Amino acid sequence: MTSIKSAACAAAVACGLAVGSLHSGVASAQPPPPPAPVQGEQPPAWAPPKPAEHWNGQPVVWNSAWGGRWGVWINGGFISLTSNPVTGGG
């Protein structure tokens, strides 16, 4: 009788660990990183001169959003280094 109880307890513990490891694997799974942003576009002829080749270790690139600006991509976000050349503002 003792061996049956021991076997039943061992089986219950093994099942619990197996289910727990499946759930913890799903819960702790990290989402895949977002795709790297496009590292710049070809600047148009009217674009202002490039302010620098690198800033804070990142390449300075042209981005046509917001009227077009020079800036850098850091951690998936674009940091603008120049003002809008169309309006002359931010």
Protein backbone atom coordinates (compact mmCIF):
# COMPACT_ATOMS: atom_id res chain seq x y z
CA MET A 1 0.00 0.00 0.00
CA THR A 2 2.84 2.37 0.78
CA SER A 3 4.44 1.82 -2.62
CA ILE A 4 1.14 2.62 -4.38
CA LYS A 5 0.85 5.89 -2.44
CA SER A 6 4.47 6.71 -3.21
CA ALA A 7 3.98 5.94 -6.89
CA ALA A 8 0.79 8.01 -7.03
CA CYS A 9 2.50 10.95 -5.31
CA ALA A 10 5.50 10.70 -7.62
CA ALA A 11 3.22 10.62 -10.67
CA ALA A 12 1.24 13.64 -9.41
CA VAL A 13 4.43 15.59 -8.77
CA ALA A 14 5.81 14.68 -12.20
CA CYS A 15 2.57 15.77 -13.90
CA GLY A 16 2.51 19.00 -11.92
CA LEU A 17 6.10 19.78 -12.88
CA ALA A 18 5.43 18.99 -16.52
CA VAL A 19 2.34 21.22 -16.64
CA GLY A 20 4.12 23.93 -14.68
CA SER A 21 7.07 23.92 -17.05
CA LEU A 22 4.74 24.20 -20.05
CA HIS A 23 2.88 27.12 -18.55
CA SER A 24 5.99 28.88 -17.37
CA GLY A 25 7.55 28.46 -20.81
CA VAL A 26 4.57 30.15 -22.42
CA ALA A 27 4.32 32.89 -19.81
CA SER A 28 8.01 33.74 -19.86
CA ALA A 29 8.47 33.57 -23.60
CA GLN A 30 9.79 36.87 -24.90
CA PRO A 31 8.20 38.28 -28.04
CA PRO A 32 10.54 38.46 -31.01
CA PRO A 33 12.27 41.80 -31.37
CA PRO A 34 10.69 44.20 -33.84
CA PRO A 35 12.31 44.33 -37.24
CA ALA A 36 15.08 46.85 -37.51
CA PRO A 37 13.87 50.12 -38.98
CA VAL A 38 14.95 51.07 -42.45
CA GLN A 39 18.34 52.63 -42.01
CA GLY A 40 17.53 55.76 -43.92
CA GLU A 41 16.38 56.72 -47.35
CA GLN A 42 17.95 58.43 -50.31
CA PRO A 43 17.78 62.17 -49.49
CA PRO A 44 16.11 64.39 -52.10
CA ALA A 45 18.09 67.03 -53.97
CA TRP A 46 16.60 69.82 -51.84
CA ALA A 47 17.63 68.19 -48.52
CA PRO A 48 19.88 70.29 -46.29
CA PRO A 49 23.47 69.10 -45.88
CA LYS A 50 24.05 66.10 -43.64
CA PRO A 51 25.03 67.43 -40.19
CA ALA A 52 27.41 64.55 -39.36
CA GLU A 53 28.23 60.98 -40.35
CA HIS A 54 27.58 59.55 -36.86
CA TRP A 55 25.87 60.71 -33.69
CA ASN A 56 26.15 58.82 -30.40
CA GLY A 57 27.66 55.89 -32.27
CA GLN A 58 24.76 55.61 -34.73
CA PRO A 59 24.82 56.54 -38.43
CA VAL A 60 23.00 59.74 -39.36
CA VAL A 61 20.35 58.98 -42.00
CA TRP A 62 17.58 60.75 -43.92
CA ASN A 63 13.95 60.07 -42.98
CA SER A 64 11.18 61.49 -45.17
CA ALA A 65 8.62 61.54 -42.35
CA TRP A 66 7.48 64.95 -41.03
CA GLY A 67 8.65 66.73 -44.17
CA GLY A 68 12.09 65.11 -44.09
CA ARG A 69 14.88 65.33 -41.54
CA TRP A 70 18.33 64.05 -40.75
CA GLY A 71 18.54 61.93 -37.62
CA VAL A 72 19.45 58.58 -36.07
CA TRP A 73 17.57 55.40 -35.22
CA ILE A 74 18.13 54.36 -31.59
CA ASN A 75 16.19 51.52 -29.93
CA GLY A 76 13.56 51.55 -32.67
CA GLY A 77 12.88 55.28 -32.39
CA PHE A 78 13.99 58.10 -34.65
CA ILE A 79 15.80 61.02 -33.05
CA SER A 80 15.69 64.07 -35.30
CA LEU A 81 18.87 66.11 -35.57
CA THR A 82 17.56 68.80 -37.96
CA SER A 83 14.42 70.86 -38.31
CA ASN A 84 11.85 70.47 -41.05
CA PRO A 85 13.47 71.95 -44.19
CA VAL A 86 10.07 72.62 -45.79
CA THR A 87 8.62 74.76 -42.99
CA GLY A 88 11.87 75.61 -41.19
CA GLY A 89 10.30 74.50 -37.93
CA GLY A 90 10.08 71.52 -35.63
